[in-house]
Amino acid sequence: MARVARVLRGDFLAGLQTSHALAAPTNGVLTPRGLVMGAGAAKALAEAEPRLPRLFAETIRREGAYQGGVYLYGFVAVEVDGRSYGAFQTKAHFRDRADLRLVHLAASRLRRFLEERPGLEVHMAFPGIGLGGLKPGEVLEALEEALGEVGNRVVLYRL
């Protein structure tokens, strides 16, 4: 089983200084203004690139499934000014705890995204452990299982 490349201390937004893709843990709530990105790493990413909530929502509406008032999509990516940004779903509703099944779904879709883009690295805030309430070890296990051989191209950040 492949290992996730690295777990680093620091802010995943440091990736803005590189050409790598950036991703943040997200939920499935869409409003007329876009994907709700109101806390944690998702909020930080939306503040760094204010077009993301709307762009993510457009993609989620196309690629996701609407169930019980929320969208299930796993992982979606958009490109803004030549950089890829990803929404890595860990929760159905932002009020929920993170769900390991959603983490696994998101990681499997992230795997497909990376397989289609050889050489691309994704720098992401460690999903599900902050406001999501999951244990780092269980999240890493789910990520490694779902990411397979592309896991070495994912860099996770913990504050």
C-alpha atoms as a PDB file:
ATOM      1  CA  MET A   1       0.000   0.000   0.000  1.00  0.00           C
ATOM      2  CA  ALA A   2       1.340   3.423  -0.941  1.00  0.00           C
ATOM      3  CA  ARG A   3       2.001   5.995   1.733  1.00  0.00           C
ATOM      4  CA  VAL A   4       0.742   9.556   1.671  1.00  0.00           C
ATOM      5  CA  ALA A   5       3.809  11.540   0.677  1.00  0.00           C
ATOM      6  CA  ARG A   6       4.239  13.767   3.682  1.00  0.00           C
ATOM      7  CA  VAL A   7       2.429  15.168   6.664  1.00  0.00           C
ATOM      8  CA  LEU A   8       3.862  18.599   7.398  1.00  0.00           C
ATOM      9  CA  ARG A   9       3.302  21.114  10.183  1.00  0.00           C
ATOM     10  CA  GLY A  10       2.151  24.409   8.803  1.00  0.00           C
ATOM     11  CA  ASP A  11      -0.424  26.105   6.636  1.00  0.00           C
ATOM     12  CA  PHE A  12      -1.424  24.364   3.395  1.00  0.00           C
ATOM     13  CA  LEU A  13      -1.767  27.806   1.805  1.00  0.00           C
ATOM     14  CA  ALA A  14       2.037  27.848   1.654  1.00  0.00           C
ATOM     15  CA  GLY A  15       1.358  25.886  -1.545  1.00  0.00           C
ATOM     16  CA  LEU A  16       0.264  29.173  -3.123  1.00  0.00           C
ATOM     17  CA  GLN A  17       3.978  29.877  -3.571  1.00  0.00           C
ATOM     18  CA  THR A  18       4.309  26.764  -5.780  1.00  0.00           C
ATOM     19  CA  SER A  19       2.636  25.391  -8.884  1.00  0.00           C
ATOM     20  CA  HIS A  20       0.972  22.583  -6.929  1.00  0.00           C
ATOM     21  CA  ALA A  21      -2.772  22.080  -6.685  1.00  0.00           C
ATOM     22  CA  LEU A  22      -4.421  23.101  -3.399  1.00  0.00           C
ATOM     23  CA  ALA A  23      -7.369  21.381  -1.730  1.00  0.00           C
ATOM     24  CA  ALA A  24      -9.417  21.927   1.412  1.00  0.00           C
ATOM     25  CA  PRO A  25     -11.873  19.741   3.331  1.00  0.00           C
ATOM     26  CA  THR A  26     -15.441  20.716   2.459  1.00  0.00           C
ATOM     27  CA  ASN A  27     -19.110  19.803   2.900  1.00  0.00           C
ATOM     28  CA  GLY A  28     -22.116  19.342   0.627  1.00  0.00           C
ATOM     29  CA  VAL A  29     -24.150  22.478   1.364  1.00  0.00           C
ATOM     30  CA  LEU A  30     -24.740  24.832  -1.557  1.00  0.00           C
ATOM     31  CA  THR A  31     -26.384  28.221  -1.325  1.00  0.00           C
ATOM     32  CA  PRO A  32     -27.144  30.769  -4.061  1.00  0.00           C
ATOM     33  CA  ARG A  33     -23.649  32.208  -3.368  1.00  0.00           C
ATOM     34  CA  GLY A  34     -21.911  28.846  -3.779  1.00  0.00           C
ATOM     35  CA  LEU A  35     -20.427  26.053  -1.685  1.00  0.00           C
ATOM     36  CA  VAL A  36     -20.471  26.877   2.037  1.00  0.00           C
ATOM     37  CA  MET A  37     -16.817  27.402   2.981  1.00  0.00           C
ATOM     38  CA  GLY A  38     -17.283  29.213   6.280  1.00  0.00           C
ATOM     39  CA  ALA A  39     -14.736  27.700   8.668  1.00  0.00           C
ATOM     40  CA  GLY A  40     -11.281  26.216   8.979  1.00  0.00           C
ATOM     41  CA  ALA A  41      -9.175  25.459   5.919  1.00  0.00           C
ATOM     42  CA  ALA A  42     -12.130  25.832   3.550  1.00  0.00           C
ATOM     43  CA  LYS A  43     -12.670  29.408   4.739  1.00  0.00           C
ATOM     44  CA  ALA A  44      -8.957  30.164   4.382  1.00  0.00           C
ATOM     45  CA  LEU A  45      -8.950  28.832   0.816  1.00  0.00           C
ATOM     46  CA  ALA A  46     -12.086  30.800  -0.099  1.00  0.00           C
ATOM     47  CA  GLU A  47     -10.499  33.958   1.305  1.00  0.00           C
ATOM     48  CA  ALA A  48      -7.348  33.315  -0.745  1.00  0.00           C
ATOM     49  CA  GLU A  49      -9.397  32.779  -3.944  1.00  0.00           C
ATOM     50  CA  PRO A  50     -12.910  34.285  -3.562  1.00  0.00           C
ATOM     51  CA  ARG A  51     -14.240  32.765  -6.809  1.00  0.00           C
ATOM     52  CA  LEU A  52     -13.943  29.216  -5.452  1.00  0.00           C
ATOM     53  CA  PRO A  53     -17.298  28.837  -3.625  1.00  0.00           C
ATOM     54  CA  ARG A  54     -19.209  29.706  -6.813  1.00  0.00           C
ATOM     55  CA  LEU A  55     -16.969  27.644  -9.113  1.00  0.00           C
ATOM     56  CA  PHE A  56     -17.061  24.621  -6.822  1.00  0.00           C
ATOM     57  CA  ALA A  57     -20.869  24.868  -6.585  1.00  0.00           C
ATOM     58  CA  GLU A  58     -21.217  24.887 -10.387  1.00  0.00           C
ATOM     59  CA  THR A  59     -19.074  21.762 -10.655  1.00  0.00           C
ATOM     60  CA  ILE A  60     -20.776  20.014  -7.723  1.00  0.00           C
ATOM     61  CA  ARG A  61     -24.224  20.610  -9.261  1.00  0.00           C
ATOM     62  CA  ARG A  62     -22.992  18.940 -12.485  1.00  0.00           C
ATOM     63  CA  GLU A  63     -21.031  16.063 -10.946  1.00  0.00           C
ATOM     64  CA  GLY A  64     -22.634  15.454  -7.551  1.00  0.00           C
ATOM     65  CA  ALA A  65     -25.802  13.746  -6.394  1.00  0.00           C
ATOM     66  CA  TYR A  66     -28.403  15.724  -4.434  1.00  0.00           C
ATOM     67  CA  GLN A  67     -29.665  13.720  -1.438  1.00  0.00           C
ATOM     68  CA  GLY A  68     -31.467  14.848   1.676  1.00  0.00           C
ATOM     69  CA  GLY A  69     -30.804  18.543   1.149  1.00  0.00           C
ATOM     70  CA  VAL A  70     -27.046  18.205   0.513  1.00  0.00           C
ATOM     71  CA  TYR A  71     -24.791  17.185  -2.350  1.00  0.00           C
ATOM     72  CA  LEU A  72     -22.552  14.130  -2.309  1.00  0.00           C
ATOM     73  CA  TYR A  73     -19.617  14.522  -4.662  1.00  0.00           C
ATOM     74  CA  GLY A  74     -16.457  13.331  -2.940  1.00  0.00           C
ATOM     75  CA  PHE A  75     -13.889  15.486  -4.705  1.00  0.00           C
ATOM     76  CA  VAL A  76     -14.185  18.120  -7.403  1.00  0.00           C
ATOM     77  CA  ALA A  77     -11.542  20.370  -8.890  1.00  0.00           C
ATOM     78  CA  VAL A  78     -11.651  23.669 -10.744  1.00  0.00           C
ATOM     79  CA  GLU A  79      -8.947  25.685 -12.420  1.00  0.00           C
ATOM     80  CA  VAL A  80      -8.422  29.374 -11.718  1.00  0.00           C
ATOM     81  CA  ASP A  81      -5.627  31.329 -13.387  1.00  0.00           C
ATOM     82  CA  GLY A  82      -3.734  28.156 -14.277  1.00  0.00           C
ATOM     83  CA  ARG A  83      -3.891  26.536 -10.813  1.00  0.00           C
ATOM     84  CA  SER A  84      -6.081  23.596  -9.794  1.00  0.00           C
ATOM     85  CA  TYR A  85      -8.106  23.873  -6.599  1.00  0.00           C
ATOM     86  CA  GLY A  86      -9.970  20.988  -5.018  1.00  0.00           C
ATOM     87  CA  ALA A  87     -12.938  20.573  -2.712  1.00  0.00           C
ATOM     88  CA  PHE A  88     -12.353  17.370  -0.701  1.00  0.00           C
ATOM     89  CA  GLN A  89     -15.659  16.408   0.913  1.00  0.00           C
ATOM     90  CA  THR A  90     -15.500  15.172   4.499  1.00  0.00           C
ATOM     91  CA  LYS A  91     -19.034  16.086   5.625  1.00  0.00           C
ATOM     92  CA  ALA A  92     -22.507  16.004   4.130  1.00  0.00           C
ATOM     93  CA  HIS A  93     -23.652  19.073   6.110  1.00  0.00           C
ATOM     94  CA  PHE A  94     -21.220  21.556   7.635  1.00  0.00           C
ATOM     95  CA  ARG A  95     -22.810  20.985  11.063  1.00  0.00           C
ATOM     96  CA  ASP A  96     -22.014  17.239  10.923  1.00  0.00           C
ATOM     97  CA  ARG A  97     -18.910  15.465  12.105  1.00  0.00           C
ATOM     98  CA  ALA A  98     -16.629  14.270   9.341  1.00  0.00           C
ATOM     99  CA  ASP A  99     -17.518  10.849   7.910  1.00  0.00           C
ATOM    100  CA  LEU A 100     -14.821   8.300   7.047  1.00  0.00           C
ATOM    101  CA  ARG A 101     -16.969   6.961   4.194  1.00  0.00           C
ATOM    102  CA  LEU A 102     -16.978  10.436   2.625  1.00  0.00           C
ATOM    103  CA  VAL A 103     -13.217  10.732   3.185  1.00  0.00           C
ATOM    104  CA  HIS A 104     -12.772   7.425   1.355  1.00  0.00           C
ATOM    105  CA  LEU A 105     -15.065   8.529  -1.495  1.00  0.00           C
ATOM    106  CA  ALA A 106     -13.261  11.866  -1.790  1.00  0.00           C
ATOM    107  CA  ALA A 107      -9.857  10.151  -1.794  1.00  0.00           C
ATOM    108  CA  SER A 108     -10.933   7.709  -4.507  1.00  0.00           C
ATOM    109  CA  ARG A 109     -12.050  10.626  -6.686  1.00  0.00           C
ATOM    110  CA  LEU A 110      -8.852  12.510  -5.879  1.00  0.00           C
ATOM    111  CA  ARG A 111      -6.987   9.388  -7.027  1.00  0.00           C
ATOM    112  CA  ARG A 112      -8.718   9.521 -10.411  1.00  0.00           C
ATOM    113  CA  PHE A 113      -7.942  13.251 -10.676  1.00  0.00           C
ATOM    114  CA  LEU A 114      -4.240  12.603 -10.011  1.00  0.00           C
ATOM    115  CA  GLU A 115      -4.075   9.597 -12.327  1.00  0.00           C
ATOM    116  CA  GLU A 116      -5.246  11.879 -15.146  1.00  0.00           C
ATOM    117  CA  ARG A 117      -2.516  14.433 -14.310  1.00  0.00           C
ATOM    118  CA  PRO A 118       0.875  12.733 -14.056  1.00  0.00           C
ATOM    119  CA  GLY A 119       3.376  14.726 -12.028  1.00  0.00           C
ATOM    120  CA  LEU A 120       0.821  16.971 -10.303  1.00  0.00           C
ATOM    121  CA  GLU A 121       1.037  17.193  -6.520  1.00  0.00           C
ATOM    122  CA  VAL A 122      -1.877  18.189  -4.279  1.00  0.00           C
ATOM    123  CA  HIS A 123      -1.233  20.139  -1.089  1.00  0.00           C
ATOM    124  CA  MET A 124      -4.179  19.811   1.271  1.00  0.00           C
ATOM    125  CA  ALA A 125      -5.190  20.658   4.801  1.00  0.00           C
ATOM    126  CA  PHE A 126      -5.377  17.376   6.749  1.00  0.00           C
ATOM    127  CA  PRO A 127      -9.038  16.387   6.218  1.00  0.00           C
ATOM    128  CA  GLY A 128     -11.539  15.557   8.924  1.00  0.00           C
ATOM    129  CA  ILE A 129      -9.414  16.039  12.034  1.00  0.00           C
ATOM    130  CA  GLY A 130     -10.054  19.636  13.079  1.00  0.00           C
ATOM    131  CA  LEU A 131     -13.706  20.615  13.132  1.00  0.00           C
ATOM    132  CA  GLY A 132     -14.507  17.180  11.688  1.00  0.00           C
ATOM    133  CA  GLY A 133     -13.570  15.288  14.846  1.00  0.00           C
ATOM    134  CA  LEU A 134     -11.859  12.245  13.264  1.00  0.00           C
ATOM    135  CA  LYS A 135      -8.615  10.701  14.510  1.00  0.00           C
ATOM    136  CA  PRO A 136      -5.553  11.318  12.310  1.00  0.00           C
ATOM    137  CA  GLY A 137      -4.631   7.633  12.173  1.00  0.00           C
ATOM    138  CA  GLU A 138      -8.022   6.517  10.870  1.00  0.00           C
ATOM    139  CA  VAL A 139      -8.024   9.280   8.259  1.00  0.00           C
ATOM    140  CA  LEU A 140      -4.518   8.350   7.066  1.00  0.00           C
ATOM    141  CA  GLU A 141      -5.550   4.714   6.765  1.00  0.00           C
ATOM    142  CA  ALA A 142      -8.593   5.621   4.644  1.00  0.00           C
ATOM    143  CA  LEU A 143      -6.511   7.964   2.472  1.00  0.00           C
ATOM    144  CA  GLU A 144      -3.758   5.427   1.877  1.00  0.00           C
ATOM    145  CA  GLU A 145      -6.240   2.714   0.970  1.00  0.00           C
ATOM    146  CA  ALA A 146      -8.194   4.881  -1.469  1.00  0.00           C
ATOM    147  CA  LEU A 147      -5.283   6.805  -3.007  1.00  0.00           C
ATOM    148  CA  GLY A 148      -3.146   3.777  -3.785  1.00  0.00           C
ATOM    149  CA  GLU A 149      -0.076   4.511  -5.885  1.00  0.00           C
ATOM    150  CA  VAL A 150      -0.805   8.244  -6.255  1.00  0.00           C
ATOM    151  CA  GLY A 151      -0.733   8.720  -2.482  1.00  0.00           C
ATOM    152  CA  ASN A 152       2.882   9.807  -2.712  1.00  0.00           C
ATOM    153  CA  ARG A 153       1.676  12.917  -4.588  1.00  0.00           C
ATOM    154  CA  VAL A 154      -0.513  14.178  -1.732  1.00  0.00           C
ATOM    155  CA  VAL A 155       0.980  16.429   0.936  1.00  0.00           C
ATOM    156  CA  LEU A 156      -1.105  16.969   4.076  1.00  0.00           C
ATOM    157  CA  TYR A 157      -0.703  19.949   6.394  1.00  0.00           C
ATOM    158  CA  ARG A 158      -1.479  20.181  10.116  1.00  0.00           C
ATOM    159  CA  LEU A 159      -1.359  23.458  12.006  1.00  0.00           C
END
